[in-house]
C-alpha cells in the first residue's frame, strides 16, 4: 500500500501521544538494569515521547546543568538556557524531554536511546558545550547526561525518572503520518533534548 496522509487522525494521535503509558522506564528493564525485558514495549513502528516523570526537585537542583552551548552557523556557539518556564515546572506535570519516530520497532529504538549496557556515554564533568554523542540514536541518554554531568552511572537516573508514551503507526504506509505527528509533537511540546540549531 502506498504511503499517504491520514490528516483527520493527526489530532487523535497527538492526544494519544500525550498519555504516558510507561512510568517509569524501570518496569521495562531486567532486574540487573542492563537491558530491556522482551515484549515490555511494542515492537511495531510509531512515534514516541520520553517524559521526565520523576521529582521536579532533581531538575531544580544544583546537580542539574540547564545551560547548553550548541554549535551554530559559522562555528559560533549558540547558548541555550533551559529555564523553569521552558520545562513548565510551574505546572507540576510530567515534562516532555524528547520526541522521535521509528518505522519498524519501538522497543529496539528505545533500547538504542537508553544504551543500558553502558554506565555513562559522555565524559564525566560539566560541559557547557554539547558533546558529540557516541551514536546518532542515543539522544535521550546523552541529553540526560548533559543535564546531569556529574552522575557517574546515569542508568538509574533514566530508568527511575523517565517515562514513555507512544502511538503505533507501523510500516511504510504510515511514513508521512509519523513524519507529521513527530513534527507536530516537537512544535507543541518543545522538548529540550530535540533542539538543534542551523549550521
Protein backbone atom coordinates (compact mmCIF):
# COMPACT_ATOMS: atom_id res chain seq x y z
CA UNK A 1 0.00 0.00 0.00
CA UNK A 2 1.48 3.40 -0.96
CA UNK A 3 2.21 5.88 1.82
CA UNK A 4 -0.34 8.64 2.26
CA UNK A 5 -1.54 11.05 4.90
CA UNK A 6 -4.48 10.39 7.19
CA UNK A 7 -4.82 14.04 8.17
CA UNK A 8 -8.04 13.71 10.14
CA UNK A 9 -6.35 11.31 12.57
CA UNK A 10 -3.38 13.54 13.43
CA UNK A 11 -5.12 15.29 16.34
CA UNK A 12 -6.29 11.99 17.84
CA UNK A 13 -2.81 10.50 17.55
CA UNK A 14 -1.33 13.56 19.25
CA UNK A 15 -3.87 13.22 22.06
CA UNK A 16 -2.84 9.57 22.50
CA UNK A 17 0.85 10.53 22.40
CA UNK A 18 0.28 12.82 25.41
CA UNK A 19 -0.84 9.88 27.57
CA UNK A 20 2.11 8.31 29.37
CA UNK A 21 1.97 4.53 29.05
CA UNK A 22 5.11 3.56 30.97
CA UNK A 23 6.05 5.46 34.13
CA UNK A 24 8.88 4.88 34.94
CA UNK A 25 11.01 3.00 32.37
CA UNK A 26 12.35 0.82 35.22
CA UNK A 27 9.36 -1.50 34.74
CA UNK A 28 10.64 -2.35 31.24
CA UNK A 29 14.16 -3.29 32.38
CA UNK A 30 15.55 -6.62 33.52
CA UNK A 31 16.42 -6.98 37.22
CA UNK A 32 20.09 -6.12 36.54
CA UNK A 33 19.00 -2.92 34.69
CA UNK A 34 21.39 -3.66 31.82
CA UNK A 35 18.79 -4.40 29.13
CA UNK A 36 15.08 -4.22 28.39
CA UNK A 37 12.67 -7.06 29.02
CA UNK A 38 11.46 -8.74 25.82
CA UNK A 39 7.99 -7.55 24.79
CA UNK A 40 7.86 -4.85 27.51
CA UNK A 41 7.48 -2.22 24.76
CA UNK A 42 5.71 -2.56 21.40
CA UNK A 43 7.75 -4.00 18.53
CA UNK A 44 5.73 -2.02 15.98
CA UNK A 45 6.75 1.28 14.42
CA UNK A 46 5.43 4.59 15.65
CA UNK A 47 6.08 7.95 17.29
CA UNK A 48 7.26 8.14 20.89
CA UNK A 49 7.92 10.67 23.65
CA UNK A 50 10.27 10.36 26.60
CA UNK A 51 8.95 12.27 29.64
CA UNK A 52 10.55 13.38 32.88
CA UNK A 53 8.20 11.69 35.36
CA UNK A 54 10.50 11.93 38.40
CA UNK A 55 10.55 14.65 41.05
CA UNK A 56 10.95 18.16 39.69
CA UNK A 57 13.33 18.87 42.56
CA UNK A 58 16.04 16.94 40.68
CA UNK A 59 15.72 19.33 37.72
CA UNK A 60 15.76 22.31 40.09
CA UNK A 61 18.82 21.08 42.00
CA UNK A 62 22.41 22.34 41.69
CA UNK A 63 23.28 18.95 40.14
CA UNK A 64 21.23 19.78 37.03
CA UNK A 65 23.00 21.77 34.31
CA UNK A 66 20.38 23.63 32.28
CA UNK A 67 22.74 25.82 30.29
CA UNK A 68 23.95 24.44 26.98
CA UNK A 69 26.05 25.66 24.08
CA UNK A 70 25.20 24.29 20.64
CA UNK A 71 27.42 24.52 17.57
CA UNK A 72 25.80 27.08 15.29
CA UNK A 73 26.35 28.83 11.95
CA UNK A 74 29.93 29.75 11.14
CA UNK A 75 31.19 27.64 14.04
CA UNK A 76 29.85 30.07 16.66
CA UNK A 77 28.34 28.74 19.88
CA UNK A 78 24.62 29.36 20.38
CA UNK A 79 23.81 29.38 24.11
CA UNK A 80 20.52 27.98 25.38
CA UNK A 81 19.07 28.24 28.86
CA UNK A 82 16.54 25.54 29.64
CA UNK A 83 14.69 27.56 32.26
CA UNK A 84 11.75 26.68 34.50
CA UNK A 85 9.25 28.23 32.08
CA UNK A 86 10.57 26.19 29.12
CA UNK A 87 10.24 22.99 31.15
CA UNK A 88 6.84 24.01 32.52
CA UNK A 89 7.91 23.27 36.09
CA UNK A 90 5.15 25.50 37.46
CA UNK A 91 2.51 23.06 36.16
CA UNK A 92 3.81 20.16 38.26
CA UNK A 93 3.12 17.87 35.27
CA UNK A 94 5.47 15.41 33.53
CA UNK A 95 7.93 17.16 31.19
CA UNK A 96 8.40 16.06 27.56
CA UNK A 97 12.14 15.57 27.01
CA UNK A 98 12.47 14.06 23.54
CA UNK A 99 10.17 13.12 20.64
CA UNK A 100 11.17 10.59 17.98
CA UNK A 101 9.85 8.16 15.41
CA UNK A 102 10.69 4.73 14.02
CA UNK A 103 9.30 2.79 11.08
CA UNK A 104 9.70 -0.70 12.44
CA UNK A 105 10.32 -1.35 16.14
CA UNK A 106 9.65 0.95 19.11
CA UNK A 107 11.29 -1.46 21.58
CA UNK A 108 14.54 -1.60 19.62
CA UNK A 109 14.58 2.19 19.18
CA UNK A 110 14.02 2.78 22.92
CA UNK A 111 16.85 0.33 23.67
CA UNK A 112 19.17 2.30 21.38
CA UNK A 113 18.23 5.52 23.18
CA UNK A 114 18.89 4.03 26.62
CA UNK A 115 22.10 2.05 25.93
CA UNK A 116 21.71 0.28 29.27
CA UNK A 117 24.90 -1.74 28.77
CA UNK A 118 26.96 1.41 29.42
CA UNK A 119 27.40 3.12 32.78
CA UNK A 120 27.82 6.53 31.11
CA UNK A 121 28.08 7.66 27.47
CA UNK A 122 29.65 11.13 27.73
CA UNK A 123 32.69 12.32 29.66
CA UNK A 124 32.05 12.90 33.34
CA UNK A 125 32.08 16.55 34.41
CA UNK A 126 30.28 19.73 33.50
CA UNK A 127 30.46 20.51 29.81
CA UNK A 128 28.77 23.73 28.73
CA UNK A 129 29.24 22.84 25.06
CA UNK A 130 27.08 19.99 23.83
CA UNK A 131 29.29 16.95 23.37
CA UNK A 132 29.02 14.68 20.37
CA UNK A 133 27.02 11.59 21.33
CA UNK A 134 28.70 8.23 20.70
CA UNK A 135 25.90 7.21 18.30
CA UNK A 136 23.17 9.00 16.38
CA UNK A 137 20.47 7.04 18.19
CA UNK A 138 21.09 7.70 21.91
CA UNK A 139 19.82 11.29 22.10
CA UNK A 140 17.75 10.73 25.25
CA UNK A 141 20.57 9.21 27.31
CA UNK A 142 23.15 11.74 26.04
CA UNK A 143 20.71 14.57 26.81
CA UNK A 144 20.20 13.34 30.38
CA UNK A 145 23.99 13.22 30.78
CA UNK A 146 24.25 16.86 29.66
CA UNK A 147 21.67 17.75 32.28
CA UNK A 148 23.45 15.71 34.96
CA UNK A 149 27.15 15.90 34.07
CA UNK A 150 28.45 14.61 37.43
CA UNK A 151 26.33 11.46 37.75
CA UNK A 152 28.70 8.55 37.20
CA UNK A 153 26.06 5.94 36.33
CA UNK A 154 23.09 7.55 34.60
CA UNK A 155 21.18 4.30 34.00
CA UNK A 156 19.37 4.50 37.35
CA UNK A 157 18.64 8.20 36.84
CA UNK A 158 16.99 7.45 33.48
CA UNK A 159 15.13 4.29 34.48
CA UNK A 160 13.69 5.79 37.67
CA UNK A 161 12.80 9.27 36.37
CA UNK A 162 11.86 8.92 32.70
CA UNK A 163 8.59 7.59 31.29
CA UNK A 164 7.39 6.77 27.80
CA UNK A 165 4.34 7.34 25.64
CA UNK A 166 3.91 6.16 22.07
CA UNK A 167 1.48 5.76 19.20
CA UNK A 168 1.78 2.71 16.96
CA UNK A 169 1.99 3.77 13.31
CA UNK A 170 3.66 0.77 11.75
CA UNK A 171 5.22 0.30 8.34
CA UNK A 172 5.77 2.26 5.17
CA UNK A 173 2.09 3.13 4.74
CA UNK A 174 2.40 5.42 7.79
CA UNK A 175 5.68 7.12 6.79
CA UNK A 176 4.06 10.53 6.21
CA UNK A 177 1.85 10.19 9.30
CA UNK A 178 4.90 9.52 11.52
CA UNK A 179 6.71 12.50 9.98
CA UNK A 180 3.86 14.94 10.62
CA UNK A 181 2.99 13.61 14.08
CA UNK A 182 6.63 13.88 15.20
CA UNK A 183 6.87 17.44 13.86
CA UNK A 184 3.57 18.43 15.47
CA UNK A 185 4.63 16.98 18.83
CA UNK A 186 8.03 18.70 18.75
CA UNK A 187 6.43 22.02 17.85
CA UNK A 188 3.76 21.87 20.55
CA UNK A 189 5.68 20.15 23.35
CA UNK A 190 9.02 21.95 22.85
CA UNK A 191 11.11 19.05 24.23
CA UNK A 192 14.55 20.41 25.17
CA UNK A 193 16.54 17.38 24.04
CA UNK A 194 15.30 17.75 20.45
CA UNK A 195 16.72 21.24 19.99
CA UNK A 196 19.26 21.74 17.25
CA UNK A 197 20.38 24.96 15.58
CA UNK A 198 21.03 25.86 11.97
CA UNK A 199 24.56 25.38 10.61
